[in-house]
Amino acid sequence: QVQLVESGGGLVQAGGSLRLSCAVSGRTFSNYDMGWFRQAPGKEREFVAAISWTGTSTFYADSVKGRCTISRDDAKNTVYLQMNSLKFEDTAAYYCAAKSGGTAYYRNLRMYKSWGQGTQVTVSS
């Protein structure tokens, strides 16, 4: 198990940007695929983006493709989600998650065994 702590959420106007960070501790960070998910009030948690343990593959939900970039810094044990051109519908709690590297199914939240507590992103229209 690893421990994950998200940061970087906040209130932003539509069209603005935020960068979320997820600091990971407890095990070898570089062994894990990392994902970002989000959950809006009254809705199910949904996939946003993921990056492979090698950092060579990234995956995005259609709703954020072209506006978000996921990256990782193994030296800092941190994964990032850069979000640009934010929309009101991006408002949600954003969660960082980890799964064993190379197990595919990046979009499936059930594959992720470790989760952070979440950071709130609120976009005002």
Protein backbone atom coordinates (compact mmCIF):
# COMPACT_ATOMS: atom_id res chain seq x y z
CA GLN A 1 0.00 0.00 0.00
CA VAL A 2 1.02 3.54 -0.63
CA GLN A 3 -0.24 6.75 0.89
CA LEU A 4 -1.44 9.53 -1.39
CA VAL A 5 -2.04 13.18 -0.56
CA GLU A 6 -3.60 15.53 -3.11
CA SER A 7 -3.20 19.29 -3.19
CA GLY A 8 -3.75 22.19 -5.54
CA GLY A 9 -7.52 22.37 -5.68
CA GLY A 10 -9.43 25.58 -5.25
CA LEU A 11 -11.87 28.06 -6.71
CA VAL A 12 -11.20 29.27 -10.24
CA GLN A 13 -13.16 31.09 -12.89
CA ALA A 14 -14.23 29.35 -16.05
CA GLY A 15 -11.40 29.43 -18.54
CA GLY A 16 -8.78 29.38 -15.82
CA SER A 17 -6.17 26.79 -14.91
CA LEU A 18 -5.16 24.69 -11.94
CA ARG A 19 -2.42 22.18 -11.32
CA LEU A 20 -3.21 19.35 -8.98
CA SER A 21 -0.45 17.45 -7.24
CA CYS A 22 -0.43 14.05 -5.58
CA ALA A 23 2.44 13.19 -3.26
CA VAL A 24 3.02 9.47 -2.81
CA SER A 25 4.80 7.69 0.01
CA GLY A 26 5.16 4.21 1.42
CA ARG A 27 6.39 2.12 -1.48
CA THR A 28 8.39 2.51 -4.65
CA PHE A 29 6.45 5.15 -6.55
CA SER A 30 7.96 4.19 -9.89
CA ASN A 31 6.30 0.76 -9.71
CA TYR A 32 2.80 2.20 -9.88
CA ASP A 33 0.46 3.32 -12.59
CA MET A 34 -1.20 6.52 -11.42
CA GLY A 35 -4.65 7.86 -12.11
CA TRP A 36 -6.86 10.85 -11.45
CA PHE A 37 -10.56 10.47 -10.93
CA ARG A 38 -13.27 12.94 -9.99
CA GLN A 39 -16.64 12.87 -8.34
CA ALA A 40 -19.28 15.58 -8.53
CA PRO A 41 -22.14 15.73 -6.00
CA GLY A 42 -24.76 13.13 -6.77
CA LYS A 43 -22.66 11.49 -9.45
CA GLU A 44 -20.45 8.44 -9.62
CA ARG A 45 -16.70 8.71 -9.49
CA GLU A 46 -15.29 8.91 -13.01
CA PHE A 47 -11.96 8.51 -14.73
CA VAL A 48 -10.08 11.67 -15.70
CA ALA A 49 -6.53 10.69 -16.63
CA ALA A 50 -3.86 8.07 -16.03
CA ILE A 51 -0.17 7.59 -16.61
CA SER A 52 1.75 4.34 -16.81
CA TRP A 53 4.48 3.40 -14.36
CA THR A 54 7.04 4.03 -17.11
CA GLY A 55 5.60 7.45 -17.83
CA THR A 56 5.50 6.62 -21.52
CA SER A 57 1.73 6.12 -21.82
CA THR A 58 -1.02 8.51 -20.87
CA PHE A 59 -4.78 8.18 -21.07
CA TYR A 60 -7.55 10.75 -20.87
CA ALA A 61 -11.30 10.89 -20.62
CA ASP A 62 -12.87 12.42 -23.70
CA SER A 63 -14.29 15.20 -21.55
CA VAL A 64 -10.83 16.52 -20.64
CA LYS A 65 -8.73 15.51 -23.63
CA GLY A 66 -6.87 18.50 -24.99
CA ARG A 67 -7.39 20.48 -21.80
CA CYS A 68 -5.60 18.35 -19.22
CA THR A 69 -2.13 16.88 -18.99
CA ILE A 70 -1.02 14.21 -16.55
CA SER A 71 2.65 13.85 -15.70
CA ARG A 72 4.85 12.28 -13.07
CA ASP A 73 8.13 13.11 -11.41
CA ASP A 74 9.60 9.93 -9.97
CA ALA A 75 12.37 11.87 -8.23
CA LYS A 76 9.70 13.71 -6.24
CA ASN A 77 7.27 10.81 -5.92
CA THR A 78 4.59 13.07 -7.31
CA VAL A 79 2.00 12.93 -10.04
CA TYR A 80 0.45 16.07 -11.49
CA LEU A 81 -2.70 16.99 -13.34
CA GLN A 82 -2.49 20.27 -15.23
CA MET A 83 -5.98 21.48 -16.06
CA ASN A 84 -6.54 24.32 -18.51
CA SER A 85 -9.64 25.98 -19.98
CA LEU A 86 -11.62 24.84 -16.99
CA LYS A 87 -15.38 24.56 -17.34
CA PHE A 88 -18.17 24.71 -14.80
CA GLU A 89 -18.75 21.00 -15.36
CA ASP A 90 -15.22 20.25 -14.17
CA THR A 91 -16.36 21.11 -10.65
CA ALA A 92 -15.78 18.02 -8.50
CA ALA A 93 -13.64 16.44 -5.85
CA TYR A 94 -10.52 15.11 -7.55
CA TYR A 95 -8.86 11.93 -6.32
CA CYS A 96 -5.45 10.50 -6.98
CA ALA A 97 -5.12 6.72 -7.14
CA ALA A 98 -2.42 4.09 -7.58
CA LYS A 99 -2.39 0.58 -9.01
CA SER A 100 0.27 -1.96 -9.72
CA GLY A 101 2.29 -1.06 -12.76
CA GLY A 102 1.55 -2.71 -16.08
CA THR A 103 -1.84 -4.14 -15.16
CA ALA A 104 -3.69 -2.18 -17.88
CA TYR A 105 -7.35 -1.19 -17.43
CA TYR A 106 -6.25 2.33 -16.65
CA ARG A 107 -9.78 3.72 -16.82
CA ASN A 108 -11.26 1.19 -14.41
CA LEU A 109 -11.37 2.59 -10.89
CA ARG A 110 -11.71 -0.92 -9.41
CA MET A 111 -8.14 -1.63 -10.50
CA TYR A 112 -6.81 1.06 -8.18
CA LYS A 113 -6.10 -0.13 -4.66
CA SER A 114 -4.80 3.04 -3.05
CA TRP A 115 -6.62 6.37 -2.96
CA GLY A 116 -6.05 9.83 -1.62
CA GLN A 117 -8.58 11.88 0.34
CA GLY A 118 -9.35 14.19 -2.55
CA THR A 119 -9.01 17.87 -3.33
CA GLN A 120 -11.95 20.07 -4.30
CA VAL A 121 -12.00 21.93 -7.60
CA THR A 122 -14.74 24.51 -8.02
CA VAL A 123 -15.15 26.36 -11.29
CA SER A 124 -17.35 29.43 -11.27
CA SER A 125 -19.23 30.25 -14.43
